[in-house]
Amino acid sequence: MADNALISLQDKVVVVTGGSRGIGAAIARACAAAGARVVVASRKQEGVDAVAADIRAAGGDALAVAAHTGHADQVDALFARAVDAFGRVDGLVNNAATNPYFGPMLGISEPAWDKTFEVNVKGYFYAARAFVAHARKRGGGGAIVNVASVAGRGAAAAQGVYAMTKAAVISMTQTLAVELGSSGIRVNALAPGLIDTKFASALVHNPAIGGAIAKQTPLGRIGRPEDIAGGAVYLLSDAAAFVTGEVLVIDGGLTVGAIHVGA
């Protein structure tokens, strides 16, 4: 991509959490293709090493850092590593997430509840806090993109607690957008629909669920990780310089509310 292209991340440094596979890996690769130096973070070193190696093999620049975003000290260490390696951080993609329970909301165990909120909410908060501290120290500016879900915008049977965390992410996004605007920091969210990843494989490959969702989607298919990556690059780029507090839904039109009549 040319340096003067409107949707470009040339000379920017972007941290992507949950970057070892699925949506996070696709976003990391897309950011690198758009010119960014990328810090790929996830809990397991071997996972982020593989994605960083792919980026370098394609001519990009990447740093792989193992970090559990639910632990504030590891998040702070992640940003310290990023700044030490690249001098600054311009963008953050909060993508690390978990969903250990599938079933009626009232049936979830307390450990599963705690784990879901630790990663999906506290992890996003810790990373945003670390990014803002760094951004303000260097004079402000930058962008945060929180990966939420269409599940956070309404009822989500069998995924109730996961959906609660994604609703919290949307609320966090909007509040931070208001509070950080004066520092020149933009905060937006992506709300993917059902995407074909290992994370969602139990849904995607269940004909009664994945097949039904594909049928009800105007574009006629389940999403791919690459379908989400472009939205992240846009929101991180200067093309979105006047966009903050927004939730970009990327679901193939599923939540438009189309009704299919007949078989």
C-alpha atoms as a PDB file:
ATOM      1  CA  MET A   1       0.000   0.000   0.000  1.00  0.00           C
ATOM      2  CA  ALA A   2       1.385   3.421  -0.909  1.00  0.00           C
ATOM      3  CA  ASP A   3       2.502   5.667   1.950  1.00  0.00           C
ATOM      4  CA  ASN A   4       0.043   8.380   0.938  1.00  0.00           C
ATOM      5  CA  ALA A   5      -2.975   6.083   0.764  1.00  0.00           C
ATOM      6  CA  LEU A   6      -5.836   7.237   2.952  1.00  0.00           C
ATOM      7  CA  ILE A   7      -6.344   3.843   4.579  1.00  0.00           C
ATOM      8  CA  SER A   8      -2.734   3.263   5.544  1.00  0.00           C
ATOM      9  CA  LEU A   9      -0.949   2.391   8.774  1.00  0.00           C
ATOM     10  CA  GLN A  10       2.470   3.316   7.441  1.00  0.00           C
ATOM     11  CA  ASP A  11       4.901   4.191  10.268  1.00  0.00           C
ATOM     12  CA  LYS A  12       2.361   3.268  12.950  1.00  0.00           C
ATOM     13  CA  VAL A  13       2.883   0.692  15.683  1.00  0.00           C
ATOM     14  CA  VAL A  14      -0.110  -1.468  16.587  1.00  0.00           C
ATOM     15  CA  VAL A  15      -0.556  -3.921  19.453  1.00  0.00           C
ATOM     16  CA  VAL A  16      -2.992  -6.767  18.725  1.00  0.00           C
ATOM     17  CA  THR A  17      -4.090  -8.955  21.636  1.00  0.00           C
ATOM     18  CA  GLY A  18      -5.426 -12.431  21.024  1.00  0.00           C
ATOM     19  CA  GLY A  19      -3.308 -12.328  17.903  1.00  0.00           C
ATOM     20  CA  SER A  20      -2.234 -15.952  17.642  1.00  0.00           C
ATOM     21  CA  ARG A  21      -5.154 -17.189  15.543  1.00  0.00           C
ATOM     22  CA  GLY A  22      -8.562 -16.406  14.073  1.00  0.00           C
ATOM     23  CA  ILE A  23      -9.709 -12.802  13.967  1.00  0.00           C
ATOM     24  CA  GLY A  24      -6.672 -11.528  15.885  1.00  0.00           C
ATOM     25  CA  ALA A  25      -4.180 -13.151  13.534  1.00  0.00           C
ATOM     26  CA  ALA A  26      -6.063 -11.833  10.503  1.00  0.00           C
ATOM     27  CA  ILE A  27      -6.044  -8.321  11.963  1.00  0.00           C
ATOM     28  CA  ALA A  28      -2.331  -8.526  12.774  1.00  0.00           C
ATOM     29  CA  ARG A  29      -1.505  -9.595   9.217  1.00  0.00           C
ATOM     30  CA  ALA A  30      -3.758  -6.918   7.708  1.00  0.00           C
ATOM     31  CA  CYS A  31      -2.191  -4.194   9.853  1.00  0.00           C
ATOM     32  CA  ALA A  32       1.257  -5.275   8.712  1.00  0.00           C
ATOM     33  CA  ALA A  33       0.127  -5.320   5.078  1.00  0.00           C
ATOM     34  CA  ALA A  34      -1.117  -1.752   5.574  1.00  0.00           C
ATOM     35  CA  GLY A  35       2.354  -0.669   6.723  1.00  0.00           C
ATOM     36  CA  ALA A  36       2.232  -1.026  10.500  1.00  0.00           C
ATOM     37  CA  ARG A  37       4.826  -2.560  12.746  1.00  0.00           C
ATOM     38  CA  VAL A  38       2.798  -5.074  14.724  1.00  0.00           C
ATOM     39  CA  VAL A  39       3.119  -6.401  18.251  1.00  0.00           C
ATOM     40  CA  VAL A  40       1.331  -9.752  18.303  1.00  0.00           C
ATOM     41  CA  ALA A  41       0.234 -10.780  21.792  1.00  0.00           C
ATOM     42  CA  SER A  42      -1.472 -13.865  23.184  1.00  0.00           C
ATOM     43  CA  ARG A  43      -1.059 -16.230  26.123  1.00  0.00           C
ATOM     44  CA  LYS A  44       1.182 -18.797  24.391  1.00  0.00           C
ATOM     45  CA  GLN A  45       4.526 -17.808  22.919  1.00  0.00           C
ATOM     46  CA  GLU A  46       4.501 -20.423  20.153  1.00  0.00           C
ATOM     47  CA  GLY A  47       1.228 -19.069  18.769  1.00  0.00           C
ATOM     48  CA  VAL A  48       2.387 -15.482  18.476  1.00  0.00           C
ATOM     49  CA  ASP A  49       5.794 -16.566  17.205  1.00  0.00           C
ATOM     50  CA  ALA A  50       4.111 -18.268  14.241  1.00  0.00           C
ATOM     51  CA  VAL A  51       2.022 -15.223  13.295  1.00  0.00           C
ATOM     52  CA  ALA A  52       4.981 -12.859  13.686  1.00  0.00           C
ATOM     53  CA  ALA A  53       7.074 -15.161  11.490  1.00  0.00           C
ATOM     54  CA  ASP A  54       4.376 -15.086   8.796  1.00  0.00           C
ATOM     55  CA  ILE A  55       4.355 -11.282   8.896  1.00  0.00           C
ATOM     56  CA  ARG A  56       8.132 -11.085   8.579  1.00  0.00           C
ATOM     57  CA  ALA A  57       8.118 -13.615   5.739  1.00  0.00           C
ATOM     58  CA  ALA A  58       5.711 -11.314   3.895  1.00  0.00           C
ATOM     59  CA  GLY A  59       8.091  -8.383   4.337  1.00  0.00           C
ATOM     60  CA  GLY A  60       6.554  -6.844   7.450  1.00  0.00           C
ATOM     61  CA  ASP A  61       7.899  -6.103  10.917  1.00  0.00           C
ATOM     62  CA  ALA A  62       6.482  -7.866  13.959  1.00  0.00           C
ATOM     63  CA  LEU A  63       7.262  -8.576  17.597  1.00  0.00           C
ATOM     64  CA  ALA A  64       5.769 -11.603  19.374  1.00  0.00           C
ATOM     65  CA  VAL A  65       4.992 -11.239  23.084  1.00  0.00           C
ATOM     66  CA  ALA A  66       3.302 -13.788  25.347  1.00  0.00           C
ATOM     67  CA  ALA A  67       0.911 -12.032  27.735  1.00  0.00           C
ATOM     68  CA  HIS A  68      -2.268 -12.865  29.635  1.00  0.00           C
ATOM     69  CA  THR A  69      -4.358  -9.724  29.304  1.00  0.00           C
ATOM     70  CA  GLY A  70      -6.384 -10.600  32.377  1.00  0.00           C
ATOM     71  CA  HIS A  71      -3.274  -9.870  34.448  1.00  0.00           C
ATOM     72  CA  ALA A  72      -2.454  -6.158  34.694  1.00  0.00           C
ATOM     73  CA  ASP A  73       1.248  -6.703  35.296  1.00  0.00           C
ATOM     74  CA  GLN A  74       1.588  -8.744  32.107  1.00  0.00           C
ATOM     75  CA  VAL A  75      -0.259  -6.064  30.124  1.00  0.00           C
ATOM     76  CA  ASP A  76       2.078  -3.376  31.442  1.00  0.00           C
ATOM     77  CA  ALA A  77       5.048  -5.564  30.520  1.00  0.00           C
ATOM     78  CA  LEU A  78       3.599  -6.052  27.025  1.00  0.00           C
ATOM     79  CA  PHE A  79       3.492  -2.318  26.401  1.00  0.00           C
ATOM     80  CA  ALA A  80       6.961  -1.854  27.855  1.00  0.00           C
ATOM     81  CA  ARG A  81       8.266  -4.471  25.393  1.00  0.00           C
ATOM     82  CA  ALA A  82       6.466  -2.768  22.509  1.00  0.00           C
ATOM     83  CA  VAL A  83       7.875   0.660  23.337  1.00  0.00           C
ATOM     84  CA  ASP A  84      11.354  -0.760  23.879  1.00  0.00           C
ATOM     85  CA  ALA A  85      11.268  -2.450  20.480  1.00  0.00           C
ATOM     86  CA  PHE A  86       9.531   0.198  18.361  1.00  0.00           C
ATOM     87  CA  GLY A  87       9.734   3.431  20.360  1.00  0.00           C
ATOM     88  CA  ARG A  88       5.987   4.041  20.605  1.00  0.00           C
ATOM     89  CA  VAL A  89       2.543   2.522  20.210  1.00  0.00           C
ATOM     90  CA  ASP A  90      -0.066   4.231  18.021  1.00  0.00           C
ATOM     91  CA  GLY A  91      -2.894   1.724  18.065  1.00  0.00           C
ATOM     92  CA  LEU A  92      -4.375  -1.050  20.156  1.00  0.00           C
ATOM     93  CA  VAL A  93      -6.677  -3.839  19.024  1.00  0.00           C
ATOM     94  CA  ASN A  94      -8.328  -5.531  21.999  1.00  0.00           C
ATOM     95  CA  ASN A  95      -9.268  -8.965  20.690  1.00  0.00           C
ATOM     96  CA  ALA A  96      -8.280 -11.555  23.313  1.00  0.00           C
ATOM     97  CA  ALA A  97     -11.444 -13.298  24.486  1.00  0.00           C
ATOM     98  CA  THR A  98     -12.791 -16.503  25.959  1.00  0.00           C
ATOM     99  CA  ASN A  99     -16.143 -18.293  26.126  1.00  0.00           C
ATOM    100  CA  PRO A 100     -15.787 -21.371  28.359  1.00  0.00           C
ATOM    101  CA  TYR A 101     -19.500 -22.057  28.809  1.00  0.00           C
ATOM    102  CA  PHE A 102     -22.319 -22.769  26.371  1.00  0.00           C
ATOM    103  CA  GLY A 103     -25.793 -23.255  27.800  1.00  0.00           C
ATOM    104  CA  PRO A 104     -28.535 -21.547  29.816  1.00  0.00           C
ATOM    105  CA  MET A 105     -27.220 -18.457  31.554  1.00  0.00           C
ATOM    106  CA  LEU A 106     -28.264 -19.587  35.034  1.00  0.00           C
ATOM    107  CA  GLY A 107     -26.277 -22.799  34.674  1.00  0.00           C
ATOM    108  CA  ILE A 108     -22.836 -21.207  34.465  1.00  0.00           C
ATOM    109  CA  SER A 109     -20.338 -21.985  37.216  1.00  0.00           C
ATOM    110  CA  GLU A 110     -18.680 -19.191  39.155  1.00  0.00           C
ATOM    111  CA  PRO A 111     -15.174 -20.055  37.860  1.00  0.00           C
ATOM    112  CA  ALA A 112     -16.421 -19.905  34.256  1.00  0.00           C
ATOM    113  CA  TRP A 113     -18.170 -16.584  34.976  1.00  0.00           C
ATOM    114  CA  ASP A 114     -14.992 -15.154  36.523  1.00  0.00           C
ATOM    115  CA  LYS A 115     -12.781 -16.334  33.666  1.00  0.00           C
ATOM    116  CA  THR A 116     -15.107 -14.840  31.044  1.00  0.00           C
ATOM    117  CA  PHE A 117     -15.155 -11.441  32.725  1.00  0.00           C
ATOM    118  CA  GLU A 118     -11.429 -11.524  33.532  1.00  0.00           C
ATOM    119  CA  VAL A 119     -10.391 -11.901  29.911  1.00  0.00           C
ATOM    120  CA  ASN A 120     -13.227 -10.239  28.010  1.00  0.00           C
ATOM    121  CA  VAL A 121     -13.720  -7.166  30.196  1.00  0.00           C
ATOM    122  CA  LYS A 122     -10.824  -6.696  32.615  1.00  0.00           C
ATOM    123  CA  GLY A 123      -8.336  -7.628  29.900  1.00  0.00           C
ATOM    124  CA  TYR A 124      -9.707  -4.971  27.542  1.00  0.00           C
ATOM    125  CA  PHE A 125      -9.728  -2.418  30.345  1.00  0.00           C
ATOM    126  CA  TYR A 126      -6.154  -3.168  31.406  1.00  0.00           C
ATOM    127  CA  ALA A 127      -4.869  -2.922  27.830  1.00  0.00           C
ATOM    128  CA  ALA A 128      -6.768   0.309  27.175  1.00  0.00           C
ATOM    129  CA  ARG A 129      -5.421   1.796  30.409  1.00  0.00           C
ATOM    130  CA  ALA A 130      -1.834   0.877  29.539  1.00  0.00           C
ATOM    131  CA  PHE A 131      -2.202   2.269  26.018  1.00  0.00           C
ATOM    132  CA  VAL A 132      -3.684   5.551  27.247  1.00  0.00           C
ATOM    133  CA  ALA A 133      -0.929   6.018  29.837  1.00  0.00           C
ATOM    134  CA  HIS A 134       1.658   5.611  27.077  1.00  0.00           C
ATOM    135  CA  ALA A 135      -0.220   7.778  24.567  1.00  0.00           C
ATOM    136  CA  ARG A 136      -0.622  10.645  27.011  1.00  0.00           C
ATOM    137  CA  LYS A 137       3.039  10.419  27.963  1.00  0.00           C
ATOM    138  CA  ARG A 138       4.054  10.893  24.315  1.00  0.00           C
ATOM    139  CA  GLY A 139       1.580  13.762  23.810  1.00  0.00           C
ATOM    140  CA  GLY A 140      -1.701  12.048  22.999  1.00  0.00           C
ATOM    141  CA  GLY A 141      -3.311  10.697  19.877  1.00  0.00           C
ATOM    142  CA  GLY A 142      -3.898   7.163  18.695  1.00  0.00           C
ATOM    143  CA  ALA A 143      -6.713   4.684  18.319  1.00  0.00           C
ATOM    144  CA  ILE A 144      -8.213   1.788  20.229  1.00  0.00           C
ATOM    145  CA  VAL A 145     -10.328  -0.840  18.481  1.00  0.00           C
ATOM    146  CA  ASN A 146     -12.257  -3.197  20.739  1.00  0.00           C
ATOM    147  CA  VAL A 147     -13.528  -6.409  19.192  1.00  0.00           C
ATOM    148  CA  ALA A 148     -17.021  -6.877  20.614  1.00  0.00           C
ATOM    149  CA  SER A 149     -19.758  -9.022  19.031  1.00  0.00           C
ATOM    150  CA  VAL A 150     -23.275  -8.799  17.696  1.00  0.00           C
ATOM    151  CA  ALA A 151     -24.051 -10.966  20.739  1.00  0.00           C
ATOM    152  CA  GLY A 152     -23.504  -7.864  22.846  1.00  0.00           C
ATOM    153  CA  ARG A 153     -26.307  -5.985  21.123  1.00  0.00           C
ATOM    154  CA  GLY A 154     -29.239  -8.184  22.096  1.00  0.00           C
ATOM    155  CA  ALA A 155     -30.342 -11.481  23.572  1.00  0.00           C
ATOM    156  CA  ALA A 156     -27.935 -14.377  23.079  1.00  0.00           C
ATOM    157  CA  ALA A 157     -29.435 -17.670  24.169  1.00  0.00           C
ATOM    158  CA  ALA A 158     -26.847 -20.208  25.409  1.00  0.00           C
ATOM    159  CA  GLN A 159     -24.144 -17.503  25.345  1.00  0.00           C
ATOM    160  CA  GLY A 160     -25.619 -15.149  27.918  1.00  0.00           C
ATOM    161  CA  VAL A 161     -22.585 -14.384  30.058  1.00  0.00           C
ATOM    162  CA  TYR A 162     -20.304 -14.072  27.017  1.00  0.00           C
ATOM    163  CA  ALA A 163     -22.853 -11.665  25.543  1.00  0.00           C
ATOM    164  CA  MET A 164     -22.892  -9.695  28.798  1.00  0.00           C
ATOM    165  CA  THR A 165     -19.144  -9.178  28.517  1.00  0.00           C
ATOM    166  CA  LYS A 166     -19.477  -8.003  24.933  1.00  0.00           C
ATOM    167  CA  ALA A 167     -22.221  -5.559  25.942  1.00  0.00           C
ATOM    168  CA  ALA A 168     -19.797  -4.300  28.581  1.00  0.00           C
ATOM    169  CA  VAL A 169     -17.131  -3.872  25.893  1.00  0.00           C
ATOM    170  CA  ILE A 170     -19.515  -1.738  23.838  1.00  0.00           C
ATOM    171  CA  SER A 171     -20.329   0.398  26.889  1.00  0.00           C
ATOM    172  CA  MET A 172     -16.620   0.706  27.715  1.00  0.00           C
ATOM    173  CA  THR A 173     -15.919   1.766  24.138  1.00  0.00           C
ATOM    174  CA  GLN A 174     -18.495   4.546  24.201  1.00  0.00           C
ATOM    175  CA  THR A 175     -17.475   5.897  27.610  1.00  0.00           C
ATOM    176  CA  LEU A 176     -13.773   5.878  26.786  1.00  0.00           C
ATOM    177  CA  ALA A 177     -14.490   7.645  23.501  1.00  0.00           C
ATOM    178  CA  VAL A 178     -16.075  10.499  25.461  1.00  0.00           C
ATOM    179  CA  GLU A 179     -13.404  10.596  28.145  1.00  0.00           C
ATOM    180  CA  LEU A 180     -10.380  10.313  25.845  1.00  0.00           C
ATOM    181  CA  GLY A 181     -11.414  12.595  23.004  1.00  0.00           C
ATOM    182  CA  SER A 182      -9.623  15.549  24.577  1.00  0.00           C
ATOM    183  CA  SER A 183      -6.396  13.520  24.432  1.00  0.00           C
ATOM    184  CA  GLY A 184      -6.898  12.886  20.719  1.00  0.00           C
ATOM    185  CA  ILE A 185      -7.483   9.183  21.327  1.00  0.00           C
ATOM    186  CA  ARG A 186     -10.263   7.571  19.313  1.00  0.00           C
ATOM    187  CA  VAL A 187     -12.060   4.489  20.646  1.00  0.00           C
ATOM    188  CA  ASN A 188     -14.304   2.325  18.471  1.00  0.00           C
ATOM    189  CA  ALA A 189     -15.573  -1.237  18.408  1.00  0.00           C
ATOM    190  CA  LEU A 190     -16.136  -3.975  15.879  1.00  0.00           C
ATOM    191  CA  ALA A 191     -19.145  -6.254  16.278  1.00  0.00           C
ATOM    192  CA  PRO A 192     -18.561  -9.409  14.235  1.00  0.00           C
ATOM    193  CA  GLY A 193     -21.299 -11.875  13.508  1.00  0.00           C
ATOM    194  CA  LEU A 194     -20.574 -15.604  13.445  1.00  0.00           C
ATOM    195  CA  ILE A 195     -17.049 -16.084  12.084  1.00  0.00           C
ATOM    196  CA  ASP A 196     -15.418 -19.354  11.042  1.00  0.00           C
ATOM    197  CA  THR A 197     -12.698 -19.656  13.685  1.00  0.00           C
ATOM    198  CA  LYS A 198     -11.567 -22.307  16.162  1.00  0.00           C
ATOM    199  CA  PHE A 199     -13.153 -20.130  18.856  1.00  0.00           C
ATOM    200  CA  ALA A 200     -16.588 -20.482  17.228  1.00  0.00           C
ATOM    201  CA  SER A 201     -16.170 -23.928  15.678  1.00  0.00           C
ATOM    202  CA  ALA A 202     -18.827 -25.549  17.871  1.00  0.00           C
ATOM    203  CA  LEU A 203     -21.380 -23.157  16.385  1.00  0.00           C
ATOM    204  CA  VAL A 204     -20.065 -22.895  12.835  1.00  0.00           C
ATOM    205  CA  HIS A 205     -19.891 -26.650  12.267  1.00  0.00           C
ATOM    206  CA  ASN A 206     -23.217 -27.442  13.886  1.00  0.00           C
ATOM    207  CA  PRO A 207     -25.665 -27.641  10.949  1.00  0.00           C
ATOM    208  CA  ALA A 208     -28.583 -26.664  13.151  1.00  0.00           C
ATOM    209  CA  ILE A 209     -26.778 -23.464  14.170  1.00  0.00           C
ATOM    210  CA  GLY A 210     -24.162 -22.538  11.575  1.00  0.00           C
ATOM    211  CA  GLY A 211     -26.297 -23.661   8.670  1.00  0.00           C
ATOM    212  CA  ALA A 212     -29.312 -21.779   9.939  1.00  0.00           C
ATOM    213  CA  ILE A 213     -27.312 -18.608  10.484  1.00  0.00           C
ATOM    214  CA  ALA A 214     -25.797 -18.793   6.997  1.00  0.00           C
ATOM    215  CA  LYS A 215     -29.273 -19.209   5.551  1.00  0.00           C
ATOM    216  CA  GLN A 216     -30.562 -16.157   7.420  1.00  0.00           C
ATOM    217  CA  THR A 217     -27.569 -14.006   6.408  1.00  0.00           C
ATOM    218  CA  PRO A 218     -28.247 -11.830   3.335  1.00  0.00           C
ATOM    219  CA  LEU A 219     -24.749 -12.506   1.985  1.00  0.00           C
ATOM    220  CA  GLY A 220     -25.444 -16.224   2.330  1.00  0.00           C
ATOM    221  CA  ARG A 221     -22.443 -17.441   4.283  1.00  0.00           C
ATOM    222  CA  ILE A 222     -20.587 -17.510   7.586  1.00  0.00           C
ATOM    223  CA  GLY A 223     -17.927 -14.840   7.979  1.00  0.00           C
ATOM    224  CA  ARG A 224     -14.175 -15.348   7.688  1.00  0.00           C
ATOM    225  CA  PRO A 225     -11.509 -13.736   9.909  1.00  0.00           C
ATOM    226  CA  GLU A 226     -10.318 -11.663   6.957  1.00  0.00           C
ATOM    227  CA  ASP A 227     -13.795 -10.123   6.732  1.00  0.00           C
ATOM    228  CA  ILE A 228     -13.183  -8.450  10.101  1.00  0.00           C
ATOM    229  CA  ALA A 229      -9.604  -7.342   9.515  1.00  0.00           C
ATOM    230  CA  GLY A 230     -10.420  -4.555   7.067  1.00  0.00           C
ATOM    231  CA  GLY A 231     -12.699  -2.871   9.586  1.00  0.00           C
ATOM    232  CA  ALA A 232      -9.904  -2.832  12.153  1.00  0.00           C
ATOM    233  CA  VAL A 233      -7.414  -1.332   9.700  1.00  0.00           C
ATOM    234  CA  TYR A 234      -9.928   1.366   8.750  1.00  0.00           C
ATOM    235  CA  LEU A 235     -10.658   2.338  12.362  1.00  0.00           C
ATOM    236  CA  LEU A 236      -6.942   2.453  13.198  1.00  0.00           C
ATOM    237  CA  SER A 237      -6.133   4.587  10.165  1.00  0.00           C
ATOM    238  CA  ASP A 238      -6.368   8.310   9.508  1.00  0.00           C
ATOM    239  CA  ALA A 239      -9.311   7.565   7.226  1.00  0.00           C
ATOM    240  CA  ALA A 240     -11.314   7.282  10.460  1.00  0.00           C
ATOM    241  CA  ALA A 241      -9.856  10.449  11.997  1.00  0.00           C
ATOM    242  CA  PHE A 242     -13.332  11.802  12.876  1.00  0.00           C
ATOM    243  CA  VAL A 243     -14.823   8.490  13.981  1.00  0.00           C
ATOM    244  CA  THR A 244     -15.044   7.655  17.677  1.00  0.00           C
ATOM    245  CA  GLY A 245     -17.504   5.904  19.972  1.00  0.00           C
ATOM    246  CA  GLU A 246     -18.924   3.856  17.110  1.00  0.00           C
ATOM    247  CA  VAL A 247     -19.706   0.146  16.782  1.00  0.00           C
ATOM    248  CA  LEU A 248     -19.058  -1.214  13.288  1.00  0.00           C
ATOM    249  CA  VAL A 249     -21.179  -4.306  12.734  1.00  0.00           C
ATOM    250  CA  ILE A 250     -19.628  -6.841  10.344  1.00  0.00           C
ATOM    251  CA  ASP A 251     -22.064  -9.732  10.036  1.00  0.00           C
ATOM    252  CA  GLY A 252     -23.023 -10.099   6.391  1.00  0.00           C
ATOM    253  CA  GLY A 253     -26.299  -8.329   7.091  1.00  0.00           C
ATOM    254  CA  LEU A 254     -27.564 -10.885   9.622  1.00  0.00           C
ATOM    255  CA  THR A 255     -28.783  -8.349  12.175  1.00  0.00           C
ATOM    256  CA  VAL A 256     -30.540  -6.204   9.585  1.00  0.00           C
ATOM    257  CA  GLY A 257     -33.512  -8.392  10.359  1.00  0.00           C
ATOM    258  CA  ALA A 258     -34.254  -9.999   7.002  1.00  0.00           C
ATOM    259  CA  ILE A 259     -36.989 -12.641   7.121  1.00  0.00           C
ATOM    260  CA  HIS A 260     -36.709 -15.634   4.812  1.00  0.00           C
ATOM    261  CA  VAL A 261     -40.055 -17.106   3.791  1.00  0.00           C
ATOM    262  CA  GLY A 262     -40.268 -20.750   2.826  1.00  0.00           C
ATOM    263  CA  ALA A 263     -37.778 -23.596   3.019  1.00  0.00           C
END
